[in-house]
Amino acid sequence: MSVRKVSEEAIFYAGYVYQRSDSLEVIRLSGRYPQKYSAAQEALLESYLAQKFCEAYGTQKVIFYSFNEALSLSGILSDNREYWDKNKHRIMRREYNEVLQTAINNITITGSFHAKDWLKIKDNVQLQTAINHTAAINHFSRDLWRHIRSATALQKAINNVAAIDKFSQSHWLTIKDNPKLQTAINHIAATGSFSQDHWLAVIALNE
C-alpha cells in the first residue's frame, strides 16, 4: 500500500489530541478504517497521519497511543479532566466524539489544513465559534462525508475546526439561534474565506 493510496481512502479515525510544546499526542479512543489493515499497513498509515498532523499543528513529532496506553500515562488527560469526566461514559462505549472526529478526519483525508490558516482567524472568537459549529451537531457522518469530499470550500471550512479543544456543546447552544452566525457559516462554506474583513462584511449584512 502506497502513501498515495492511503491518502485517497476514506480514513475515519476517532481520537483525542493533546498538543505539547514539542510534540502532538494522539490517543486512539476508537478507530475505524475501510478495511482491516496488517501491522505493516497500520504503521504506514500512522506515518502518513503523523505527516499530516505535523503540517496541521506545526509540530515536529506525533506520538500515537492506544486508549489503554494513555490511561497508564500520567498527565495526558490531566489538563482536560472536566472534559474527561463528562465524556468518559461515551468513550468507554467506544462511541465517536463527533467534533474531534470530524476535525481529525478532514485533516487526514484532504491534507488541506495548515496551521497558518488557523492563525489568520485565531483571535476572532465569533468566527472561531461559527467554524467550530460545522462539526458540533453530528452532521458530518461517514455517509454524509462522501457527499462533500469534492466541495473544496466546505472542506476548508470544516478543516479549520482543528483548534477544537476550546469548543463545547454548550457554546453551540448559545449561538444556534443567532442568524449572523448562521449566515457566517453559510458564507464560509460558499467562499472558503476566513479573513476578518469577510466576517465583518457578513455581520454588516445582518445588522
C-alpha atoms as a PDB file:
ATOM      1  CA  MET A   1       0.000   0.000   0.000  1.00  0.00           C
ATOM      2  CA  SER A   2       1.454   3.322  -1.034  1.00  0.00           C
ATOM      3  CA  VAL A   3       1.050   6.571   0.849  1.00  0.00           C
ATOM      4  CA  ARG A   4      -0.837   7.911  -2.138  1.00  0.00           C
ATOM      5  CA  LYS A   5      -3.337   5.100  -1.917  1.00  0.00           C
ATOM      6  CA  VAL A   6      -3.835   5.690   1.784  1.00  0.00           C
ATOM      7  CA  SER A   7      -4.434   9.397   1.195  1.00  0.00           C
ATOM      8  CA  GLU A   8      -7.261   8.697  -1.225  1.00  0.00           C
ATOM      9  CA  GLU A   9      -9.161   6.357   1.051  1.00  0.00           C
ATOM     10  CA  ALA A  10     -11.861   7.496   3.463  1.00  0.00           C
ATOM     11  CA  ILE A  11      -9.970   7.139   6.720  1.00  0.00           C
ATOM     12  CA  PHE A  12     -12.123   7.526   9.804  1.00  0.00           C
ATOM     13  CA  TYR A  13     -10.051   7.950  12.910  1.00  0.00           C
ATOM     14  CA  ALA A  14     -11.642   8.971  16.201  1.00  0.00           C
ATOM     15  CA  GLY A  15      -9.305  10.013  18.951  1.00  0.00           C
ATOM     16  CA  TYR A  16      -8.148  12.610  21.435  1.00  0.00           C
ATOM     17  CA  VAL A  17      -5.395  15.085  20.557  1.00  0.00           C
ATOM     18  CA  TYR A  18      -3.139  16.638  23.164  1.00  0.00           C
ATOM     19  CA  GLN A  19      -0.650  19.260  21.966  1.00  0.00           C
ATOM     20  CA  ARG A  20       2.564  19.677  23.897  1.00  0.00           C
ATOM     21  CA  SER A  21       5.314  22.197  23.227  1.00  0.00           C
ATOM     22  CA  ASP A  22       7.451  19.715  21.309  1.00  0.00           C
ATOM     23  CA  SER A  23       5.006  17.062  20.150  1.00  0.00           C
ATOM     24  CA  LEU A  24       1.416  16.126  19.424  1.00  0.00           C
ATOM     25  CA  GLU A  25      -0.058  13.134  21.236  1.00  0.00           C
ATOM     26  CA  VAL A  26      -2.913  11.270  19.582  1.00  0.00           C
ATOM     27  CA  ILE A  27      -4.870   8.873  21.773  1.00  0.00           C
ATOM     28  CA  ARG A  28      -6.787   6.292  19.801  1.00  0.00           C
ATOM     29  CA  LEU A  29     -10.070   6.051  21.669  1.00  0.00           C
ATOM     30  CA  SER A  30     -11.572   4.195  18.746  1.00  0.00           C
ATOM     31  CA  GLY A  31     -10.554   3.786  15.163  1.00  0.00           C
ATOM     32  CA  ARG A  32     -12.392   2.724  12.046  1.00  0.00           C
ATOM     33  CA  TYR A  33     -10.766   2.024   8.737  1.00  0.00           C
ATOM     34  CA  PRO A  34     -12.358   0.969   5.462  1.00  0.00           C
ATOM     35  CA  GLN A  35     -10.716  -2.425   5.795  1.00  0.00           C
ATOM     36  CA  LYS A  36      -8.635  -4.498   8.158  1.00  0.00           C
ATOM     37  CA  TYR A  37      -5.009  -3.431   7.967  1.00  0.00           C
ATOM     38  CA  SER A  38      -1.970  -5.552   8.666  1.00  0.00           C
ATOM     39  CA  ALA A  39       0.598  -4.340  11.194  1.00  0.00           C
ATOM     40  CA  ALA A  40       2.772  -3.070   8.352  1.00  0.00           C
ATOM     41  CA  GLN A  41      -0.134  -1.227   6.782  1.00  0.00           C
ATOM     42  CA  GLU A  42      -1.100   0.331  10.117  1.00  0.00           C
ATOM     43  CA  ALA A  43       2.475   1.526  10.539  1.00  0.00           C
ATOM     44  CA  LEU A  44       2.353   3.103   7.085  1.00  0.00           C
ATOM     45  CA  LEU A  45      -0.995   4.682   7.831  1.00  0.00           C
ATOM     46  CA  GLU A  46       0.226   6.195  11.095  1.00  0.00           C
ATOM     47  CA  SER A  47       3.290   7.515   9.298  1.00  0.00           C
ATOM     48  CA  TYR A  48       1.006   9.268   6.841  1.00  0.00           C
ATOM     49  CA  LEU A  49      -1.246  10.584   9.611  1.00  0.00           C
ATOM     50  CA  ALA A  50       1.797  11.849  11.501  1.00  0.00           C
ATOM     51  CA  GLN A  51       2.901  13.793   8.441  1.00  0.00           C
ATOM     52  CA  LYS A  52      -0.491  15.440   8.117  1.00  0.00           C
ATOM     53  CA  PHE A  53      -0.751  16.206  11.838  1.00  0.00           C
ATOM     54  CA  CYS A  54       2.712  17.788  11.767  1.00  0.00           C
ATOM     55  CA  GLU A  55       1.625  20.010   8.893  1.00  0.00           C
ATOM     56  CA  ALA A  56      -1.623  20.943  10.603  1.00  0.00           C
ATOM     57  CA  TYR A  57      -0.335  21.625  14.101  1.00  0.00           C
ATOM     58  CA  GLY A  58       3.158  22.869  13.313  1.00  0.00           C
ATOM     59  CA  THR A  59       4.823  20.212  15.428  1.00  0.00           C
ATOM     60  CA  GLN A  60       7.788  18.005  14.597  1.00  0.00           C
ATOM     61  CA  LYS A  61       6.695  14.806  16.293  1.00  0.00           C
ATOM     62  CA  VAL A  62       3.458  12.857  16.664  1.00  0.00           C
ATOM     63  CA  ILE A  63       3.053  10.054  19.197  1.00  0.00           C
ATOM     64  CA  PHE A  64       0.191   7.579  18.869  1.00  0.00           C
ATOM     65  CA  TYR A  65      -1.182   5.863  21.976  1.00  0.00           C
ATOM     66  CA  SER A  66      -3.860   3.260  22.360  1.00  0.00           C
ATOM     67  CA  PHE A  67      -6.570   4.072  24.879  1.00  0.00           C
ATOM     68  CA  ASN A  68      -5.128   1.638  27.436  1.00  0.00           C
ATOM     69  CA  GLU A  69      -1.644   3.045  26.959  1.00  0.00           C
ATOM     70  CA  ALA A  70      -2.972   6.538  27.505  1.00  0.00           C
ATOM     71  CA  LEU A  71      -4.632   5.575  30.775  1.00  0.00           C
ATOM     72  CA  SER A  72      -1.316   4.346  32.103  1.00  0.00           C
ATOM     73  CA  LEU A  73       0.487   7.580  31.290  1.00  0.00           C
ATOM     74  CA  SER A  74       0.136  10.433  33.749  1.00  0.00           C
ATOM     75  CA  GLY A  75      -0.541  13.941  32.534  1.00  0.00           C
ATOM     76  CA  ILE A  76      -2.052  13.272  29.130  1.00  0.00           C
ATOM     77  CA  LEU A  77      -5.626  13.721  30.282  1.00  0.00           C
ATOM     78  CA  SER A  78      -4.985  15.690  33.455  1.00  0.00           C
ATOM     79  CA  ASP A  79      -5.274  19.129  31.852  1.00  0.00           C
ATOM     80  CA  ASN A  80      -8.678  18.235  30.467  1.00  0.00           C
ATOM     81  CA  ARG A  81     -10.139  16.419  33.444  1.00  0.00           C
ATOM     82  CA  GLU A  82     -13.503  18.174  33.181  1.00  0.00           C
ATOM     83  CA  TYR A  83     -13.904  17.017  29.585  1.00  0.00           C
ATOM     84  CA  TRP A  84     -12.825  13.508  30.516  1.00  0.00           C
ATOM     85  CA  ASP A  85     -15.224  13.252  33.462  1.00  0.00           C
ATOM     86  CA  LYS A  86     -18.108  14.498  31.351  1.00  0.00           C
ATOM     87  CA  ASN A  87     -17.470  12.237  28.374  1.00  0.00           C
ATOM     88  CA  LYS A  88     -15.792   9.111  29.711  1.00  0.00           C
ATOM     89  CA  HIS A  89     -19.047   7.123  29.511  1.00  0.00           C
ATOM     90  CA  ARG A  90     -19.171   7.816  25.786  1.00  0.00           C
ATOM     91  CA  ILE A  91     -15.514   6.988  25.393  1.00  0.00           C
ATOM     92  CA  MET A  92     -15.847   3.737  27.295  1.00  0.00           C
ATOM     93  CA  ARG A  93     -18.673   2.712  24.964  1.00  0.00           C
ATOM     94  CA  ARG A  94     -16.318   3.480  22.075  1.00  0.00           C
ATOM     95  CA  GLU A  95     -18.737   5.990  20.631  1.00  0.00           C
ATOM     96  CA  TYR A  96     -17.444   8.765  18.432  1.00  0.00           C
ATOM     97  CA  ASN A  97     -16.529  12.168  19.673  1.00  0.00           C
ATOM     98  CA  GLU A  98     -18.168  13.751  16.610  1.00  0.00           C
ATOM     99  CA  VAL A  99     -16.478  17.134  16.899  1.00  0.00           C
ATOM    100  CA  LEU A 100     -12.962  15.821  17.265  1.00  0.00           C
ATOM    101  CA  GLN A 101     -13.589  13.010  14.812  1.00  0.00           C
ATOM    102  CA  THR A 102     -14.543  15.499  12.123  1.00  0.00           C
ATOM    103  CA  ALA A 103     -11.530  17.700  12.732  1.00  0.00           C
ATOM    104  CA  ILE A 104      -9.136  14.770  12.563  1.00  0.00           C
ATOM    105  CA  ASN A 105     -10.826  13.081   9.634  1.00  0.00           C
ATOM    106  CA  ASN A 106     -10.738  16.131   7.436  1.00  0.00           C
ATOM    107  CA  ILE A 107      -7.078  16.770   8.090  1.00  0.00           C
ATOM    108  CA  THR A 108      -6.159  13.208   7.231  1.00  0.00           C
ATOM    109  CA  ILE A 109      -8.463  12.901   4.234  1.00  0.00           C
ATOM    110  CA  THR A 110      -7.849  16.213   2.483  1.00  0.00           C
ATOM    111  CA  GLY A 111      -4.453  17.219   3.817  1.00  0.00           C
ATOM    112  CA  SER A 112      -5.505  20.792   3.114  1.00  0.00           C
ATOM    113  CA  PHE A 113      -5.395  22.346   6.577  1.00  0.00           C
ATOM    114  CA  HIS A 114      -2.304  24.240   7.673  1.00  0.00           C
ATOM    115  CA  ALA A 115      -1.658  25.997  10.949  1.00  0.00           C
ATOM    116  CA  LYS A 116      -1.201  29.306   9.116  1.00  0.00           C
ATOM    117  CA  ASP A 117      -4.861  29.163   8.025  1.00  0.00           C
ATOM    118  CA  TRP A 118      -5.999  28.984  11.633  1.00  0.00           C
ATOM    119  CA  LEU A 119      -3.593  31.707  12.739  1.00  0.00           C
ATOM    120  CA  LYS A 120      -5.339  34.163  10.415  1.00  0.00           C
ATOM    121  CA  ILE A 121      -8.517  33.935  12.488  1.00  0.00           C
ATOM    122  CA  LYS A 122      -7.346  32.649  15.862  1.00  0.00           C
ATOM    123  CA  ASP A 123      -8.225  35.901  17.658  1.00  0.00           C
ATOM    124  CA  ASN A 124     -11.710  36.188  16.187  1.00  0.00           C
ATOM    125  CA  VAL A 125     -13.801  34.369  18.763  1.00  0.00           C
ATOM    126  CA  GLN A 126     -17.110  34.645  16.942  1.00  0.00           C
ATOM    127  CA  LEU A 127     -15.685  33.342  13.702  1.00  0.00           C
ATOM    128  CA  GLN A 128     -13.929  30.519  15.523  1.00  0.00           C
ATOM    129  CA  THR A 129     -17.255  29.560  17.050  1.00  0.00           C
ATOM    130  CA  ALA A 130     -19.019  29.707  13.704  1.00  0.00           C
ATOM    131  CA  ILE A 131     -16.451  27.403  12.143  1.00  0.00           C
ATOM    132  CA  ASN A 132     -16.479  25.088  15.125  1.00  0.00           C
ATOM    133  CA  HIS A 133     -20.235  24.795  14.761  1.00  0.00           C
ATOM    134  CA  THR A 134     -19.861  22.987  11.450  1.00  0.00           C
ATOM    135  CA  ALA A 135     -18.765  19.924  13.375  1.00  0.00           C
ATOM    136  CA  ALA A 136     -20.771  20.373  16.565  1.00  0.00           C
ATOM    137  CA  ILE A 137     -24.078  18.673  15.897  1.00  0.00           C
ATOM    138  CA  ASN A 138     -23.173  15.325  14.371  1.00  0.00           C
ATOM    139  CA  HIS A 139     -23.928  16.346  10.797  1.00  0.00           C
ATOM    140  CA  PHE A 140     -20.736  15.092   9.191  1.00  0.00           C
ATOM    141  CA  SER A 141     -21.109  11.343   9.476  1.00  0.00           C
ATOM    142  CA  ARG A 142     -19.289   8.830   7.326  1.00  0.00           C
ATOM    143  CA  ASP A 143     -22.188   8.722   4.856  1.00  0.00           C
ATOM    144  CA  LEU A 144     -22.510  12.494   4.606  1.00  0.00           C
ATOM    145  CA  TRP A 145     -18.766  12.943   4.175  1.00  0.00           C
ATOM    146  CA  ARG A 146     -18.939  11.083   0.864  1.00  0.00           C
ATOM    147  CA  HIS A 147     -21.182  13.813  -0.471  1.00  0.00           C
ATOM    148  CA  ILE A 148     -18.952  16.744   0.486  1.00  0.00           C
ATOM    149  CA  ARG A 149     -15.481  15.367  -0.224  1.00  0.00           C
ATOM    150  CA  SER A 150     -15.343  17.263  -3.510  1.00  0.00           C
ATOM    151  CA  ALA A 151     -16.587  20.552  -2.046  1.00  0.00           C
ATOM    152  CA  THR A 152     -13.242  22.287  -1.589  1.00  0.00           C
ATOM    153  CA  ALA A 153     -14.572  25.396   0.143  1.00  0.00           C
ATOM    154  CA  LEU A 154     -16.633  23.367   2.568  1.00  0.00           C
ATOM    155  CA  GLN A 155     -13.695  21.086   3.274  1.00  0.00           C
ATOM    156  CA  LYS A 156     -11.587  24.125   4.067  1.00  0.00           C
ATOM    157  CA  ALA A 157     -14.209  25.431   6.472  1.00  0.00           C
ATOM    158  CA  ILE A 158     -14.503  22.105   8.242  1.00  0.00           C
ATOM    159  CA  ASN A 159     -10.755  21.595   8.362  1.00  0.00           C
ATOM    160  CA  ASN A 160     -10.382  24.700  10.493  1.00  0.00           C
ATOM    161  CA  VAL A 161     -12.033  23.017  13.464  1.00  0.00           C
ATOM    162  CA  ALA A 162      -8.578  21.663  14.267  1.00  0.00           C
ATOM    163  CA  ALA A 163      -8.371  24.009  17.271  1.00  0.00           C
ATOM    164  CA  ILE A 164     -11.440  22.309  18.691  1.00  0.00           C
ATOM    165  CA  ASP A 165     -10.113  21.793  22.216  1.00  0.00           C
ATOM    166  CA  LYS A 166     -11.754  25.034  23.400  1.00  0.00           C
ATOM    167  CA  PHE A 167     -15.144  24.196  21.936  1.00  0.00           C
ATOM    168  CA  SER A 168     -18.014  22.642  23.864  1.00  0.00           C
ATOM    169  CA  GLN A 169     -21.595  21.703  23.071  1.00  0.00           C
ATOM    170  CA  SER A 170     -22.731  24.487  25.389  1.00  0.00           C
ATOM    171  CA  HIS A 171     -21.085  27.023  23.088  1.00  0.00           C
ATOM    172  CA  TRP A 172     -23.212  25.808  20.214  1.00  0.00           C
ATOM    173  CA  LEU A 173     -26.367  26.077  22.316  1.00  0.00           C
ATOM    174  CA  THR A 174     -25.656  29.761  22.883  1.00  0.00           C
ATOM    175  CA  ILE A 175     -25.404  30.588  19.174  1.00  0.00           C
ATOM    176  CA  LYS A 176     -27.774  28.171  17.475  1.00  0.00           C
ATOM    177  CA  ASP A 177     -30.474  30.842  17.040  1.00  0.00           C
ATOM    178  CA  ASN A 178     -28.087  33.618  16.011  1.00  0.00           C
ATOM    179  CA  PRO A 179     -28.786  34.463  12.339  1.00  0.00           C
ATOM    180  CA  LYS A 180     -25.477  36.306  11.989  1.00  0.00           C
ATOM    181  CA  LEU A 181     -23.506  33.228  12.890  1.00  0.00           C
ATOM    182  CA  GLN A 182     -25.681  31.043  10.719  1.00  0.00           C
ATOM    183  CA  THR A 183     -25.024  33.380   7.800  1.00  0.00           C
ATOM    184  CA  ALA A 184     -21.322  33.318   8.557  1.00  0.00           C
ATOM    185  CA  ILE A 185     -21.328  29.540   8.386  1.00  0.00           C
ATOM    186  CA  ASN A 186     -23.062  29.600   5.021  1.00  0.00           C
ATOM    187  CA  HIS A 187     -20.655  32.252   3.773  1.00  0.00           C
ATOM    188  CA  ILE A 188     -17.658  30.211   4.827  1.00  0.00           C
ATOM    189  CA  ALA A 189     -18.968  27.106   3.110  1.00  0.00           C
ATOM    190  CA  ALA A 190     -19.688  29.030  -0.086  1.00  0.00           C
ATOM    191  CA  THR A 191     -16.484  31.033  -0.412  1.00  0.00           C
ATOM    192  CA  GLY A 192     -13.829  29.390   1.715  1.00  0.00           C
ATOM    193  CA  SER A 193     -12.979  32.850   3.083  1.00  0.00           C
ATOM    194  CA  PHE A 194     -11.774  33.210   6.652  1.00  0.00           C
ATOM    195  CA  SER A 195     -10.480  36.785   6.884  1.00  0.00           C
ATOM    196  CA  GLN A 196     -11.779  39.212   9.456  1.00  0.00           C
ATOM    197  CA  ASP A 197     -12.839  41.553   6.637  1.00  0.00           C
ATOM    198  CA  HIS A 198     -15.165  38.882   5.297  1.00  0.00           C
ATOM    199  CA  TRP A 199     -16.531  38.252   8.775  1.00  0.00           C
ATOM    200  CA  LEU A 200     -17.244  41.957   9.324  1.00  0.00           C
ATOM    201  CA  ALA A 201     -18.997  42.113   5.964  1.00  0.00           C
ATOM    202  CA  VAL A 202     -21.203  39.217   6.983  1.00  0.00           C
ATOM    203  CA  ILE A 203     -22.132  40.965  10.224  1.00  0.00           C
ATOM    204  CA  ALA A 204     -22.930  44.192   8.353  1.00  0.00           C
ATOM    205  CA  LEU A 205     -25.351  42.345   6.098  1.00  0.00           C
ATOM    206  CA  ASN A 206     -27.342  41.251   9.118  1.00  0.00           C
ATOM    207  CA  GLU A 207     -27.429  44.464  11.122  1.00  0.00           C
END
